[in-house]
Amino acid sequence: MMIESARGGSRSGARVTPTRVAWLGAAVVALLLIVPIHILGPGDHEQQSCGNVLQTDLSRWRGPSDGDYWERAYRACNSERIDRIGQAVGVVSLTVLAVTLLTARARRRDASEH
């Protein structure tokens, strides 16, 4: 059973607007860019933060006793950064597509009402 709004559409469809979809997409992209990236720490099996997509911090892996951990940490952190950038690009693409479709649907609905 659908609840109809005054304009003849469903009430849940009225809540999904292009502006809200754009804000949601922007929030998800911001989280993907800001949330810390966790990789394995030197010599143990605990995950430690190496920064985020915007800033890398490999200071925990530097030092004479660390051996080749810095190189491994650099590769692991960069791999995770590239994955996050790809995810952010995907979210931007889907957001643009959804906003375009919602805008076209709204214009078509407005044109049919006039």
N, C-alpha and C. Protein backbone atom coordinates (compact mmCIF):
# COMPACT_ATOMS: atom_id res chain seq x y z
N MET A 1 0.85 -1.17 0.00
CA MET A 1 0.00 0.00 0.00
C MET A 1 0.90 1.24 0.00
N MET A 2 0.81 2.05 -1.02
CA MET A 2 1.62 3.26 -1.14
C MET A 2 0.81 4.46 -0.65
N ILE A 3 1.48 5.38 -0.02
CA ILE A 3 0.87 6.63 0.40
C ILE A 3 1.14 7.65 -0.69
N GLU A 4 0.12 8.21 -1.23
CA GLU A 4 0.25 9.17 -2.32
C GLU A 4 0.37 10.58 -1.77
N SER A 5 1.23 11.38 -2.36
CA SER A 5 1.36 12.78 -1.95
C SER A 5 0.38 13.61 -2.76
N ALA A 6 0.33 14.90 -2.48
CA ALA A 6 -0.61 15.81 -3.15
C ALA A 6 -0.32 15.92 -4.64
N ARG A 7 0.92 15.73 -5.06
CA ARG A 7 1.28 15.86 -6.47
C ARG A 7 1.03 14.58 -7.25
N GLY A 8 0.63 13.52 -6.57
CA GLY A 8 0.34 12.29 -7.28
C GLY A 8 1.47 11.27 -7.23
N GLY A 9 2.61 11.60 -6.65
CA GLY A 9 3.73 10.67 -6.54
C GLY A 9 3.76 10.05 -5.17
N SER A 10 4.63 9.11 -4.98
CA SER A 10 4.74 8.49 -3.67
C SER A 10 5.49 9.42 -2.71
N ARG A 11 5.18 9.29 -1.45
CA ARG A 11 5.80 10.14 -0.45
C ARG A 11 7.29 9.84 -0.31
N SER A 12 7.68 8.56 -0.44
CA SER A 12 9.10 8.22 -0.33
C SER A 12 9.88 8.77 -1.52
N GLY A 13 9.26 8.87 -2.69
CA GLY A 13 9.92 9.45 -3.86
C GLY A 13 10.16 10.94 -3.69
N ALA A 14 9.32 11.60 -2.91
CA ALA A 14 9.49 13.04 -2.68
C ALA A 14 10.68 13.31 -1.76
N ARG A 15 11.08 12.33 -0.97
CA ARG A 15 12.20 12.53 -0.06
C ARG A 15 13.54 12.42 -0.77
N VAL A 16 13.58 11.69 -1.87
CA VAL A 16 14.83 11.52 -2.61
C VAL A 16 14.92 12.64 -3.63
N THR A 17 15.68 13.66 -3.30
CA THR A 17 15.86 14.80 -4.19
C THR A 17 17.30 14.81 -4.69
N PRO A 18 17.53 15.46 -5.83
CA PRO A 18 18.91 15.55 -6.33
C PRO A 18 19.86 16.21 -5.33
N THR A 19 19.38 17.19 -4.61
CA THR A 19 20.23 17.87 -3.63
C THR A 19 20.65 16.93 -2.51
N ARG A 20 19.70 16.15 -2.01
CA ARG A 20 20.03 15.22 -0.93
C ARG A 20 20.99 14.13 -1.40
N VAL A 21 20.79 13.65 -2.61
CA VAL A 21 21.70 12.64 -3.16
C VAL A 21 23.10 13.22 -3.32
N ALA A 22 23.19 14.47 -3.79
CA ALA A 22 24.49 15.11 -3.95
C ALA A 22 25.19 15.30 -2.60
N TRP A 23 24.45 15.71 -1.58
CA TRP A 23 25.04 15.86 -0.25
C TRP A 23 25.50 14.53 0.31
N LEU A 24 24.70 13.49 0.11
CA LEU A 24 25.08 12.16 0.59
C LEU A 24 26.35 11.68 -0.11
N GLY A 25 26.42 11.87 -1.42
CA GLY A 25 27.62 11.48 -2.16
C GLY A 25 28.85 12.24 -1.70
N ALA A 26 28.68 13.54 -1.45
CA ALA A 26 29.80 14.35 -0.97
C ALA A 26 30.26 13.88 0.41
N ALA A 27 29.32 13.51 1.27
CA ALA A 27 29.68 13.03 2.60
C ALA A 27 30.45 11.71 2.53
N VAL A 28 30.02 10.81 1.65
CA VAL A 28 30.70 9.52 1.52
C VAL A 28 32.12 9.72 0.97
N VAL A 29 32.27 10.62 -0.02
CA VAL A 29 33.60 10.90 -0.56
C VAL A 29 34.50 11.51 0.51
N ALA A 30 33.95 12.44 1.30
CA ALA A 30 34.75 13.04 2.37
C ALA A 30 35.20 11.99 3.38
N LEU A 31 34.31 11.07 3.73
CA LEU A 31 34.70 10.01 4.66
C LEU A 31 35.78 9.11 4.07
N LEU A 32 35.66 8.78 2.80
CA LEU A 32 36.68 7.94 2.16
C LEU A 32 38.04 8.63 2.14
N LEU A 33 38.06 9.93 2.01
CA LEU A 33 39.33 10.65 1.96
C LEU A 33 39.92 10.92 3.33
N ILE A 34 39.08 11.00 4.36
CA ILE A 34 39.55 11.42 5.69
C ILE A 34 39.80 10.25 6.64
N VAL A 35 39.04 9.17 6.52
CA VAL A 35 39.17 8.05 7.45
C VAL A 35 40.58 7.46 7.35
N PRO A 36 41.23 7.19 8.49
CA PRO A 36 42.61 6.67 8.47
C PRO A 36 42.72 5.31 7.79
N ILE A 37 43.86 5.10 7.16
CA ILE A 37 44.18 3.83 6.52
C ILE A 37 44.99 3.02 7.52
N HIS A 38 44.62 1.76 7.73
CA HIS A 38 45.33 0.90 8.68
C HIS A 38 46.04 -0.21 7.93
N ILE A 39 47.33 -0.37 8.22
CA ILE A 39 48.14 -1.44 7.66
C ILE A 39 48.87 -2.12 8.80
N LEU A 40 49.51 -3.25 8.51
CA LEU A 40 50.25 -3.98 9.54
C LEU A 40 51.46 -3.19 10.00
N GLY A 41 51.67 -3.18 11.30
CA GLY A 41 52.80 -2.47 11.87
C GLY A 41 54.08 -3.29 11.74
N PRO A 42 55.24 -2.66 12.01
CA PRO A 42 56.51 -3.37 11.87
C PRO A 42 56.67 -4.45 12.95
N GLY A 43 56.88 -5.67 12.51
CA GLY A 43 57.19 -6.76 13.42
C GLY A 43 56.03 -7.34 14.20
N ASP A 44 54.83 -6.86 14.01
CA ASP A 44 53.71 -7.43 14.75
C ASP A 44 52.51 -7.61 13.81
N HIS A 45 51.44 -8.11 14.35
CA HIS A 45 50.27 -8.38 13.53
C HIS A 45 49.12 -7.42 13.84
N GLU A 46 49.42 -6.29 14.43
CA GLU A 46 48.40 -5.29 14.72
C GLU A 46 48.39 -4.26 13.60
N GLN A 47 47.22 -3.81 13.27
CA GLN A 47 47.11 -2.79 12.23
C GLN A 47 47.32 -1.41 12.85
N GLN A 48 48.11 -0.60 12.17
CA GLN A 48 48.40 0.75 12.63
C GLN A 48 48.09 1.73 11.52
N SER A 49 47.75 2.94 11.90
CA SER A 49 47.39 3.96 10.92
C SER A 49 48.63 4.49 10.21
N CYS A 50 48.52 4.63 8.90
CA CYS A 50 49.60 5.23 8.12
C CYS A 50 49.13 6.55 7.50
N GLY A 51 48.16 7.17 8.11
CA GLY A 51 47.61 8.43 7.60
C GLY A 51 46.30 8.18 6.88
N ASN A 52 45.98 9.06 5.94
CA ASN A 52 44.78 8.89 5.14
C ASN A 52 45.12 9.16 3.68
N VAL A 53 44.12 9.29 2.84
CA VAL A 53 44.37 9.49 1.41
C VAL A 53 45.09 10.81 1.16
N LEU A 54 44.79 11.81 1.97
CA LEU A 54 45.33 13.14 1.75
C LEU A 54 46.73 13.33 2.33
N GLN A 55 47.07 12.55 3.36
CA GLN A 55 48.37 12.74 4.03
C GLN A 55 48.89 11.40 4.53
N THR A 56 50.10 11.05 4.16
CA THR A 56 50.71 9.80 4.59
C THR A 56 51.66 10.06 5.75
N ASP A 57 51.61 9.19 6.77
CA ASP A 57 52.49 9.31 7.92
C ASP A 57 53.14 7.94 8.16
N LEU A 58 54.36 7.78 7.68
CA LEU A 58 55.08 6.52 7.85
C LEU A 58 56.18 6.64 8.91
N SER A 59 56.03 7.55 9.86
CA SER A 59 57.06 7.76 10.87
C SER A 59 57.25 6.54 11.77
N ARG A 60 56.23 5.73 11.97
CA ARG A 60 56.36 4.54 12.81
C ARG A 60 57.27 3.49 12.18
N TRP A 61 57.41 3.54 10.89
CA TRP A 61 58.19 2.53 10.17
C TRP A 61 59.61 2.98 9.86
N ARG A 62 60.00 4.16 10.33
CA ARG A 62 61.36 4.66 10.09
C ARG A 62 62.25 4.32 11.28
N GLY A 63 63.50 4.10 11.02
CA GLY A 63 64.44 3.83 12.10
C GLY A 63 65.42 2.75 11.68
N PRO A 64 66.59 2.74 12.33
CA PRO A 64 67.62 1.78 11.93
C PRO A 64 67.26 0.33 12.25
N SER A 65 66.44 0.09 13.26
CA SER A 65 66.12 -1.29 13.64
C SER A 65 64.95 -1.85 12.84
N ASP A 66 64.32 -1.03 12.04
CA ASP A 66 63.13 -1.48 11.32
C ASP A 66 63.44 -2.32 10.09
N GLY A 67 64.63 -2.28 9.61
CA GLY A 67 64.98 -3.08 8.44
C GLY A 67 64.23 -2.59 7.20
N ASP A 68 63.62 -3.52 6.51
CA ASP A 68 62.92 -3.15 5.28
C ASP A 68 61.42 -2.93 5.50
N TYR A 69 61.00 -2.69 6.74
CA TYR A 69 59.59 -2.45 7.01
C TYR A 69 59.08 -1.17 6.36
N TRP A 70 59.94 -0.17 6.23
CA TRP A 70 59.49 1.10 5.65
C TRP A 70 59.05 0.90 4.21
N GLU A 71 59.81 0.14 3.46
CA GLU A 71 59.45 -0.10 2.05
C GLU A 71 58.13 -0.87 1.95
N ARG A 72 57.95 -1.89 2.80
CA ARG A 72 56.69 -2.64 2.81
C ARG A 72 55.53 -1.75 3.23
N ALA A 73 55.75 -0.93 4.24
CA ALA A 73 54.70 -0.03 4.70
C ALA A 73 54.34 0.97 3.62
N TYR A 74 55.34 1.50 2.93
CA TYR A 74 55.09 2.45 1.85
C TYR A 74 54.24 1.82 0.75
N ARG A 75 54.57 0.61 0.36
CA ARG A 75 53.81 -0.08 -0.69
C ARG A 75 52.40 -0.40 -0.23
N ALA A 76 52.25 -0.91 0.99
CA ALA A 76 50.92 -1.26 1.50
C ALA A 76 50.04 -0.02 1.65
N CYS A 77 50.63 1.06 2.16
CA CYS A 77 49.85 2.27 2.36
C CYS A 77 49.44 2.89 1.02
N ASN A 78 50.37 2.91 0.07
CA ASN A 78 50.02 3.44 -1.25
C ASN A 78 48.97 2.60 -1.94
N SER A 79 49.03 1.30 -1.77
CA SER A 79 48.02 0.42 -2.36
C SER A 79 46.63 0.73 -1.79
N GLU A 80 46.57 0.91 -0.47
CA GLU A 80 45.29 1.26 0.16
C GLU A 80 44.81 2.65 -0.27
N ARG A 81 45.75 3.58 -0.42
CA ARG A 81 45.38 4.92 -0.87
C ARG A 81 44.79 4.89 -2.28
N ILE A 82 45.41 4.11 -3.16
CA ILE A 82 44.91 4.00 -4.53
C ILE A 82 43.51 3.36 -4.53
N ASP A 83 43.31 2.36 -3.69
CA ASP A 83 41.98 1.75 -3.58
C ASP A 83 40.94 2.76 -3.13
N ARG A 84 41.29 3.56 -2.12
CA ARG A 84 40.35 4.57 -1.62
C ARG A 84 40.04 5.62 -2.67
N ILE A 85 41.05 6.04 -3.42
CA ILE A 85 40.82 7.03 -4.47
C ILE A 85 39.89 6.45 -5.53
N GLY A 86 40.09 5.19 -5.89
CA GLY A 86 39.20 4.53 -6.84
C GLY A 86 37.77 4.45 -6.32
N GLN A 87 37.62 4.14 -5.04
CA GLN A 87 36.28 4.10 -4.45
C GLN A 87 35.64 5.48 -4.46
N ALA A 88 36.42 6.51 -4.16
CA ALA A 88 35.88 7.87 -4.18
C ALA A 88 35.45 8.29 -5.58
N VAL A 89 36.24 7.92 -6.59
CA VAL A 89 35.87 8.22 -7.98
C VAL A 89 34.59 7.49 -8.35
N GLY A 90 34.45 6.25 -7.91
CA GLY A 90 33.23 5.49 -8.16
C GLY A 90 32.01 6.13 -7.52
N VAL A 91 32.16 6.61 -6.29
CA VAL A 91 31.05 7.26 -5.60
C VAL A 91 30.67 8.56 -6.31
N VAL A 92 31.67 9.32 -6.76
CA VAL A 92 31.38 10.55 -7.50
C VAL A 92 30.63 10.23 -8.79
N SER A 93 31.05 9.20 -9.50
CA SER A 93 30.39 8.81 -10.75
C SER A 93 28.94 8.41 -10.51
N LEU A 94 28.72 7.57 -9.50
CA LEU A 94 27.35 7.16 -9.20
C LEU A 94 26.49 8.32 -8.72
N THR A 95 27.08 9.24 -7.98
CA THR A 95 26.33 10.40 -7.51
C THR A 95 25.92 11.28 -8.69
N VAL A 96 26.84 11.52 -9.61
CA VAL A 96 26.51 12.33 -10.79
C VAL A 96 25.42 11.66 -11.61
N LEU A 97 25.50 10.35 -11.79
CA LEU A 97 24.49 9.62 -12.54
C LEU A 97 23.13 9.71 -11.85
N ALA A 98 23.10 9.50 -10.53
CA ALA A 98 21.84 9.54 -9.79
C ALA A 98 21.22 10.94 -9.83
N VAL A 99 22.03 11.98 -9.64
CA VAL A 99 21.52 13.34 -9.67
C VAL A 99 20.98 13.67 -11.06
N THR A 100 21.67 13.24 -12.10
CA THR A 100 21.21 13.48 -13.46
C THR A 100 19.87 12.79 -13.72
N LEU A 101 19.74 11.54 -13.32
CA LEU A 101 18.49 10.82 -13.51
C LEU A 101 17.34 11.43 -12.70
N LEU A 102 17.61 11.81 -11.47
CA LEU A 102 16.57 12.43 -10.64
C LEU A 102 16.14 13.79 -11.20
N THR A 103 17.10 14.55 -11.69
CA THR A 103 16.78 15.85 -12.27
C THR A 103 15.95 15.68 -13.54
N ALA A 104 16.31 14.73 -14.39
CA ALA A 104 15.56 14.48 -15.62
C ALA A 104 14.15 14.01 -15.30
N ARG A 105 14.00 13.15 -14.29
CA ARG A 105 12.67 12.68 -13.89
C ARG A 105 11.81 13.83 -13.37
N ALA A 106 12.43 14.71 -12.58
CA ALA A 106 11.68 15.86 -12.05
C ALA A 106 11.25 16.80 -13.17
N ARG A 107 12.12 17.04 -14.15
CA ARG A 107 11.76 17.91 -15.27
C ARG A 107 10.65 17.30 -16.10
N ARG A 108 10.73 15.99 -16.33
CA ARG A 108 9.69 15.31 -17.10
C ARG A 108 8.35 15.38 -16.37
N ARG A 109 8.38 15.20 -15.05
CA ARG A 109 7.15 15.27 -14.26
C ARG A 109 6.57 16.68 -14.29
N ASP A 110 7.43 17.70 -14.17
CA ASP A 110 6.96 19.09 -14.22
C ASP A 110 6.39 19.43 -15.59
N ALA A 111 7.01 18.93 -16.64
CA ALA A 111 6.52 19.21 -18.00
C ALA A 111 5.19 18.55 -18.26
N SER A 112 4.96 17.36 -17.70
CA SER A 112 3.69 16.68 -17.91
C SER A 112 2.56 17.31 -17.10
N GLU A 113 2.89 17.99 -16.00
CA GLU A 113 1.87 18.66 -15.19
C GLU A 113 1.39 19.95 -15.83
N HIS A 114 2.23 20.57 -16.64
CA HIS A 114 1.83 21.84 -17.25
C HIS A 114 1.13 21.57 -18.49
